[in-house]
C-alpha cells in the first residue's frame, strides 16, 4: 500500500453546457461515464451535477438567460498518476467524442482546485 497525502490529490471541476434539446443525451452519457470512472483505483470522487437555479431568497443576482443546461462534475484523484490514468482511459476519449456535438463549448472547461488550510 502506498501512502499519498492530501497535497498529492488532483481535484477539479469540469463544466459544460448541453445544447437545448440535448440535455437527456448528455445526462445519459455522463451517468454511464460516472459508473466507469468510479471504478478507477485512483478515483476518490466523481460527482456529476446538473446546474440548478438558485433558491429564492438566496440573494443571488439573476444573470442572462442560459444558452442551455449546465452540467458540472466534481472530481478528485489520489495523485497526478491516477489523474493521468483517468485521462488515458479509452472510455474517456469515447465520452468526449460523443459529448462534443451535444455541448456549447469546444470541450469540458476544467477548473483545478487547491485546498485551503
N, C-alpha and C. Protein backbone atom coordinates (compact mmCIF):
# COMPACT_ATOMS: atom_id res chain seq x y z
N UNK A 1 0.84 -1.19 0.00
CA UNK A 1 0.00 0.00 0.00
C UNK A 1 0.88 1.24 0.00
N UNK A 2 0.64 2.14 -0.92
CA UNK A 2 1.41 3.37 -0.96
C UNK A 2 0.63 4.48 -0.27
N UNK A 3 1.35 5.35 0.35
CA UNK A 3 0.74 6.45 1.08
C UNK A 3 0.83 7.72 0.25
N UNK A 4 -0.25 8.43 0.11
CA UNK A 4 -0.24 9.74 -0.53
C UNK A 4 -0.96 10.71 0.39
N UNK A 5 -0.53 11.95 0.36
CA UNK A 5 -1.13 12.96 1.22
C UNK A 5 -2.19 13.74 0.46
N UNK A 6 -2.92 14.55 1.19
CA UNK A 6 -3.93 15.40 0.55
C UNK A 6 -3.28 16.37 -0.43
N UNK A 7 -2.03 16.75 -0.18
CA UNK A 7 -1.34 17.66 -1.10
C UNK A 7 -1.09 17.01 -2.45
N UNK A 8 -1.06 15.67 -2.50
CA UNK A 8 -0.83 14.95 -3.75
C UNK A 8 -2.08 14.87 -4.61
N UNK A 9 -3.23 15.08 -4.01
CA UNK A 9 -4.50 14.95 -4.74
C UNK A 9 -4.60 15.91 -5.91
N UNK A 10 -5.32 15.46 -6.92
CA UNK A 10 -5.69 16.33 -8.03
C UNK A 10 -7.20 16.48 -7.93
N UNK A 11 -7.66 17.71 -7.71
CA UNK A 11 -9.08 17.98 -7.58
C UNK A 11 -9.47 19.04 -8.60
N UNK A 12 -10.65 18.86 -9.18
CA UNK A 12 -11.09 19.78 -10.21
C UNK A 12 -12.60 19.75 -10.36
N UNK A 13 -13.08 20.74 -11.08
CA UNK A 13 -14.48 20.79 -11.51
C UNK A 13 -14.45 20.86 -13.03
N UNK A 14 -15.19 19.98 -13.67
CA UNK A 14 -15.35 20.00 -15.12
C UNK A 14 -16.76 20.52 -15.40
N UNK A 15 -16.86 21.53 -16.29
CA UNK A 15 -18.15 22.13 -16.60
C UNK A 15 -18.39 22.12 -18.10
N UNK A 16 -19.65 21.97 -18.48
CA UNK A 16 -20.04 22.08 -19.88
C UNK A 16 -21.54 22.34 -19.93
N UNK A 17 -21.99 22.83 -21.09
CA UNK A 17 -23.39 23.22 -21.25
C UNK A 17 -24.01 22.45 -22.40
N UNK A 18 -25.07 21.71 -22.11
CA UNK A 18 -25.78 20.97 -23.15
C UNK A 18 -26.52 21.93 -24.06
N UNK A 19 -26.47 21.65 -25.35
CA UNK A 19 -27.27 22.41 -26.29
C UNK A 19 -28.75 22.19 -25.99
N UNK A 20 -29.61 23.17 -26.23
CA UNK A 20 -31.04 22.99 -25.98
C UNK A 20 -31.56 21.74 -26.70
N UNK A 21 -32.30 20.94 -25.96
CA UNK A 21 -32.87 19.71 -26.51
C UNK A 21 -31.95 18.50 -26.42
N UNK A 22 -30.70 18.69 -26.01
CA UNK A 22 -29.73 17.59 -25.95
C UNK A 22 -29.42 17.17 -24.51
N UNK A 23 -30.13 17.75 -23.54
CA UNK A 23 -29.85 17.52 -22.13
C UNK A 23 -29.93 16.05 -21.73
N UNK A 24 -30.94 15.36 -22.23
CA UNK A 24 -31.11 13.95 -21.89
C UNK A 24 -29.96 13.09 -22.38
N UNK A 25 -29.48 13.39 -23.58
CA UNK A 25 -28.34 12.64 -24.13
C UNK A 25 -27.08 12.89 -23.30
N UNK A 26 -26.86 14.16 -22.92
CA UNK A 26 -25.70 14.50 -22.12
C UNK A 26 -25.78 13.79 -20.77
N UNK A 27 -26.94 13.83 -20.15
CA UNK A 27 -27.10 13.18 -18.85
C UNK A 27 -26.85 11.67 -18.96
N UNK A 28 -27.37 11.05 -19.98
CA UNK A 28 -27.16 9.61 -20.18
C UNK A 28 -25.67 9.29 -20.33
N UNK A 29 -24.98 10.05 -21.17
CA UNK A 29 -23.54 9.84 -21.37
C UNK A 29 -22.77 10.04 -20.06
N UNK A 30 -23.12 11.08 -19.34
CA UNK A 30 -22.41 11.41 -18.10
C UNK A 30 -22.61 10.35 -17.03
N UNK A 31 -23.83 9.84 -16.91
CA UNK A 31 -24.07 8.80 -15.91
C UNK A 31 -23.36 7.50 -16.26
N UNK A 32 -23.30 7.17 -17.56
CA UNK A 32 -22.57 5.97 -17.98
C UNK A 32 -21.08 6.13 -17.69
N UNK A 33 -20.53 7.32 -17.95
CA UNK A 33 -19.12 7.57 -17.65
C UNK A 33 -18.87 7.49 -16.15
N UNK A 34 -19.77 8.03 -15.36
CA UNK A 34 -19.62 8.04 -13.91
C UNK A 34 -19.41 6.64 -13.37
N UNK A 35 -20.19 5.69 -13.83
CA UNK A 35 -20.07 4.31 -13.35
C UNK A 35 -18.68 3.75 -13.63
N UNK A 36 -18.11 4.10 -14.77
CA UNK A 36 -16.78 3.60 -15.14
C UNK A 36 -15.68 4.29 -14.34
N UNK A 37 -15.76 5.62 -14.25
CA UNK A 37 -14.70 6.37 -13.57
C UNK A 37 -14.63 6.01 -12.10
N UNK A 38 -15.76 5.80 -11.47
CA UNK A 38 -15.76 5.45 -10.05
C UNK A 38 -15.08 4.12 -9.77
N UNK A 39 -14.86 3.30 -10.80
CA UNK A 39 -14.16 2.03 -10.65
C UNK A 39 -12.64 2.19 -10.76
N UNK A 40 -12.18 3.35 -11.19
CA UNK A 40 -10.74 3.57 -11.31
C UNK A 40 -10.10 3.53 -9.93
N UNK A 41 -8.97 2.80 -9.80
CA UNK A 41 -8.36 2.66 -8.47
C UNK A 41 -7.95 3.99 -7.83
N UNK A 42 -7.58 4.99 -8.62
CA UNK A 42 -7.14 6.26 -8.06
C UNK A 42 -8.21 7.31 -7.95
N UNK A 43 -9.45 6.97 -8.31
CA UNK A 43 -10.54 7.94 -8.23
C UNK A 43 -11.06 8.02 -6.79
N UNK A 44 -11.03 9.22 -6.23
CA UNK A 44 -11.55 9.45 -4.89
C UNK A 44 -12.97 9.99 -4.92
N UNK A 45 -13.31 10.72 -5.99
CA UNK A 45 -14.66 11.28 -6.14
C UNK A 45 -14.91 11.58 -7.60
N UNK A 46 -16.13 11.32 -8.03
CA UNK A 46 -16.60 11.71 -9.36
C UNK A 46 -18.09 11.93 -9.21
N UNK A 47 -18.46 13.19 -8.98
CA UNK A 47 -19.83 13.54 -8.63
C UNK A 47 -20.44 14.44 -9.70
N UNK A 48 -21.29 13.87 -10.57
CA UNK A 48 -21.92 14.68 -11.62
C UNK A 48 -23.12 15.46 -11.09
N UNK A 49 -23.31 16.66 -11.63
CA UNK A 49 -24.41 17.53 -11.23
C UNK A 49 -24.99 18.23 -12.44
N UNK A 50 -26.27 18.51 -12.37
CA UNK A 50 -26.92 19.42 -13.31
C UNK A 50 -26.96 20.77 -12.60
N UNK A 51 -26.62 21.84 -13.28
CA UNK A 51 -26.64 23.16 -12.67
C UNK A 51 -28.10 23.53 -12.40
N UNK A 52 -28.36 23.96 -11.18
CA UNK A 52 -29.73 24.27 -10.75
C UNK A 52 -29.89 25.77 -10.54
N UNK A 53 -31.11 26.23 -10.55
CA UNK A 53 -31.41 27.63 -10.26
C UNK A 53 -31.16 27.88 -8.77
N UNK A 54 -30.75 29.09 -8.46
CA UNK A 54 -30.54 29.47 -7.06
C UNK A 54 -31.87 29.47 -6.34
N UNK A 55 -31.88 29.05 -5.08
CA UNK A 55 -33.14 29.09 -4.30
C UNK A 55 -33.63 30.53 -4.16
N UNK A 56 -34.94 30.70 -4.13
CA UNK A 56 -35.49 32.04 -3.95
C UNK A 56 -35.04 32.58 -2.60
N UNK A 57 -34.76 33.85 -2.57
CA UNK A 57 -34.31 34.47 -1.33
C UNK A 57 -32.83 34.27 -1.06
N UNK A 58 -32.09 33.68 -2.00
CA UNK A 58 -30.66 33.43 -1.76
C UNK A 58 -29.82 34.68 -1.94
N UNK A 59 -30.41 35.73 -2.52
CA UNK A 59 -29.67 36.97 -2.69
C UNK A 59 -28.77 36.99 -3.90
N UNK A 60 -28.84 35.98 -4.74
CA UNK A 60 -28.00 35.98 -5.94
C UNK A 60 -28.70 36.76 -7.04
N UNK A 61 -27.91 37.51 -7.77
CA UNK A 61 -28.46 38.30 -8.87
C UNK A 61 -28.76 37.39 -10.05
N UNK A 62 -29.86 37.68 -10.71
CA UNK A 62 -30.21 36.92 -11.91
C UNK A 62 -29.27 37.32 -13.03
N UNK A 63 -28.72 36.34 -13.71
CA UNK A 63 -27.83 36.60 -14.84
C UNK A 63 -28.61 36.50 -16.13
N UNK A 64 -27.89 36.53 -17.24
CA UNK A 64 -28.57 36.39 -18.53
C UNK A 64 -29.17 35.00 -18.67
N UNK A 65 -30.16 34.88 -19.52
CA UNK A 65 -30.77 33.57 -19.76
C UNK A 65 -29.70 32.61 -20.27
N UNK A 66 -29.62 31.41 -19.71
CA UNK A 66 -28.60 30.47 -20.15
C UNK A 66 -28.88 29.98 -21.57
N UNK A 67 -27.81 29.62 -22.27
CA UNK A 67 -27.92 29.09 -23.63
C UNK A 67 -28.49 27.68 -23.61
N UNK A 68 -28.16 26.92 -22.60
CA UNK A 68 -28.61 25.54 -22.46
C UNK A 68 -28.48 25.13 -21.01
N UNK A 69 -28.58 23.85 -20.75
CA UNK A 69 -28.49 23.33 -19.39
C UNK A 69 -27.04 23.05 -19.04
N UNK A 70 -26.60 23.61 -17.92
CA UNK A 70 -25.23 23.41 -17.46
C UNK A 70 -25.08 22.12 -16.67
N UNK A 71 -23.93 21.52 -16.80
CA UNK A 71 -23.55 20.34 -16.03
C UNK A 71 -22.19 20.60 -15.41
N UNK A 72 -21.94 20.02 -14.25
CA UNK A 72 -20.65 20.13 -13.58
C UNK A 72 -20.32 18.79 -12.94
N UNK A 73 -19.05 18.45 -12.94
CA UNK A 73 -18.58 17.23 -12.29
C UNK A 73 -17.47 17.63 -11.34
N UNK A 74 -17.63 17.28 -10.07
CA UNK A 74 -16.59 17.49 -9.07
C UNK A 74 -15.78 16.20 -9.03
N UNK A 75 -14.48 16.32 -9.28
CA UNK A 75 -13.62 15.15 -9.39
C UNK A 75 -12.43 15.25 -8.44
N UNK A 76 -11.98 14.11 -7.94
CA UNK A 76 -10.77 14.06 -7.12
C UNK A 76 -10.06 12.73 -7.42
N UNK A 77 -8.75 12.83 -7.55
CA UNK A 77 -7.90 11.67 -7.84
C UNK A 77 -6.78 11.62 -6.81
N UNK A 78 -6.33 10.44 -6.50
CA UNK A 78 -5.33 10.21 -5.46
C UNK A 78 -4.07 11.05 -5.68
N UNK A 79 -3.62 11.14 -6.94
CA UNK A 79 -2.39 11.87 -7.26
C UNK A 79 -2.35 12.10 -8.77
N UNK A 80 -1.27 12.71 -9.23
CA UNK A 80 -1.15 13.02 -10.65
C UNK A 80 -1.13 11.76 -11.52
N UNK A 81 -0.53 10.68 -11.01
CA UNK A 81 -0.51 9.43 -11.78
C UNK A 81 -1.92 8.88 -11.96
N UNK A 82 -2.74 8.97 -10.92
CA UNK A 82 -4.12 8.50 -11.02
C UNK A 82 -4.92 9.37 -11.99
N UNK A 83 -4.67 10.68 -11.98
CA UNK A 83 -5.35 11.57 -12.91
C UNK A 83 -4.90 11.27 -14.34
N UNK A 84 -3.61 11.02 -14.54
CA UNK A 84 -3.10 10.68 -15.87
C UNK A 84 -3.73 9.38 -16.37
N UNK A 85 -3.89 8.41 -15.48
CA UNK A 85 -4.54 7.15 -15.86
C UNK A 85 -6.00 7.40 -16.26
N UNK A 86 -6.66 8.29 -15.53
CA UNK A 86 -8.04 8.66 -15.86
C UNK A 86 -8.10 9.26 -17.26
N UNK A 87 -7.20 10.17 -17.55
CA UNK A 87 -7.19 10.83 -18.86
C UNK A 87 -6.88 9.84 -19.99
N UNK A 88 -6.13 8.80 -19.70
CA UNK A 88 -5.72 7.83 -20.72
C UNK A 88 -6.77 6.75 -20.99
N UNK A 89 -7.81 6.69 -20.18
CA UNK A 89 -8.82 5.64 -20.34
C UNK A 89 -9.56 5.79 -21.66
N UNK A 90 -9.71 4.67 -22.39
CA UNK A 90 -10.41 4.68 -23.68
C UNK A 90 -11.84 5.23 -23.55
N UNK A 91 -12.52 4.86 -22.47
CA UNK A 91 -13.91 5.29 -22.33
C UNK A 91 -14.02 6.80 -22.14
N UNK A 92 -12.97 7.44 -21.64
CA UNK A 92 -12.97 8.90 -21.53
C UNK A 92 -12.92 9.56 -22.89
N UNK A 93 -12.08 9.02 -23.76
CA UNK A 93 -11.99 9.55 -25.13
C UNK A 93 -13.30 9.33 -25.87
N UNK A 94 -13.93 8.17 -25.67
CA UNK A 94 -15.22 7.89 -26.30
C UNK A 94 -16.29 8.86 -25.80
N UNK A 95 -16.28 9.13 -24.49
CA UNK A 95 -17.22 10.08 -23.90
C UNK A 95 -17.04 11.46 -24.52
N UNK A 96 -15.79 11.94 -24.57
CA UNK A 96 -15.53 13.27 -25.10
C UNK A 96 -15.93 13.39 -26.57
N UNK A 97 -15.69 12.34 -27.35
CA UNK A 97 -16.08 12.36 -28.77
C UNK A 97 -17.60 12.43 -28.91
N UNK A 98 -18.32 11.69 -28.07
CA UNK A 98 -19.78 11.69 -28.13
C UNK A 98 -20.35 12.99 -27.57
N UNK A 99 -19.69 13.57 -26.57
CA UNK A 99 -20.17 14.79 -25.93
C UNK A 99 -20.02 16.01 -26.83
N UNK A 100 -18.94 16.08 -27.58
CA UNK A 100 -18.62 17.27 -28.37
C UNK A 100 -19.78 17.88 -29.13
N UNK A 101 -20.51 17.10 -29.95
CA UNK A 101 -21.60 17.69 -30.72
C UNK A 101 -22.84 18.05 -29.90
N UNK A 102 -22.85 17.69 -28.61
CA UNK A 102 -24.03 17.92 -27.77
C UNK A 102 -23.91 19.13 -26.86
N UNK A 103 -22.72 19.78 -26.87
CA UNK A 103 -22.50 20.88 -25.93
C UNK A 103 -22.12 22.17 -26.64
N UNK A 104 -22.26 23.26 -25.90
CA UNK A 104 -21.97 24.60 -26.42
C UNK A 104 -20.47 24.80 -26.58
N UNK A 105 -19.70 24.39 -25.57
CA UNK A 105 -18.26 24.62 -25.56
C UNK A 105 -17.55 23.65 -26.52
N UNK A 106 -16.27 23.91 -26.75
CA UNK A 106 -15.46 23.00 -27.57
C UNK A 106 -15.10 21.73 -26.82
N UNK A 107 -15.26 21.72 -25.52
CA UNK A 107 -14.98 20.58 -24.65
C UNK A 107 -15.26 21.00 -23.23
N UNK A 108 -15.01 20.10 -22.31
CA UNK A 108 -15.20 20.42 -20.89
C UNK A 108 -14.27 21.55 -20.48
N UNK A 109 -14.78 22.46 -19.68
CA UNK A 109 -13.97 23.54 -19.12
C UNK A 109 -13.52 23.06 -17.75
N UNK A 110 -12.21 22.91 -17.57
CA UNK A 110 -11.65 22.37 -16.34
C UNK A 110 -11.14 23.48 -15.44
N UNK A 111 -11.53 23.41 -14.17
CA UNK A 111 -11.02 24.32 -13.16
C UNK A 111 -10.38 23.47 -12.08
N UNK A 112 -9.05 23.58 -11.94
CA UNK A 112 -8.33 22.81 -10.92
C UNK A 112 -8.40 23.54 -9.59
N UNK A 113 -8.46 22.79 -8.53
CA UNK A 113 -8.68 23.33 -7.19
C UNK A 113 -7.50 23.03 -6.29
N UNK A 114 -7.23 23.91 -5.35
CA UNK A 114 -6.23 23.70 -4.30
C UNK A 114 -6.91 24.00 -2.97
N UNK A 115 -6.85 23.05 -2.07
CA UNK A 115 -7.50 23.21 -0.78
C UNK A 115 -6.82 24.29 0.06
N UNK A 116 -7.63 24.98 0.80
CA UNK A 116 -7.13 25.97 1.75
C UNK A 116 -7.05 25.32 3.12
N UNK A 117 -6.07 25.74 3.88
CA UNK A 117 -5.98 25.30 5.27
C UNK A 117 -5.59 23.89 5.50
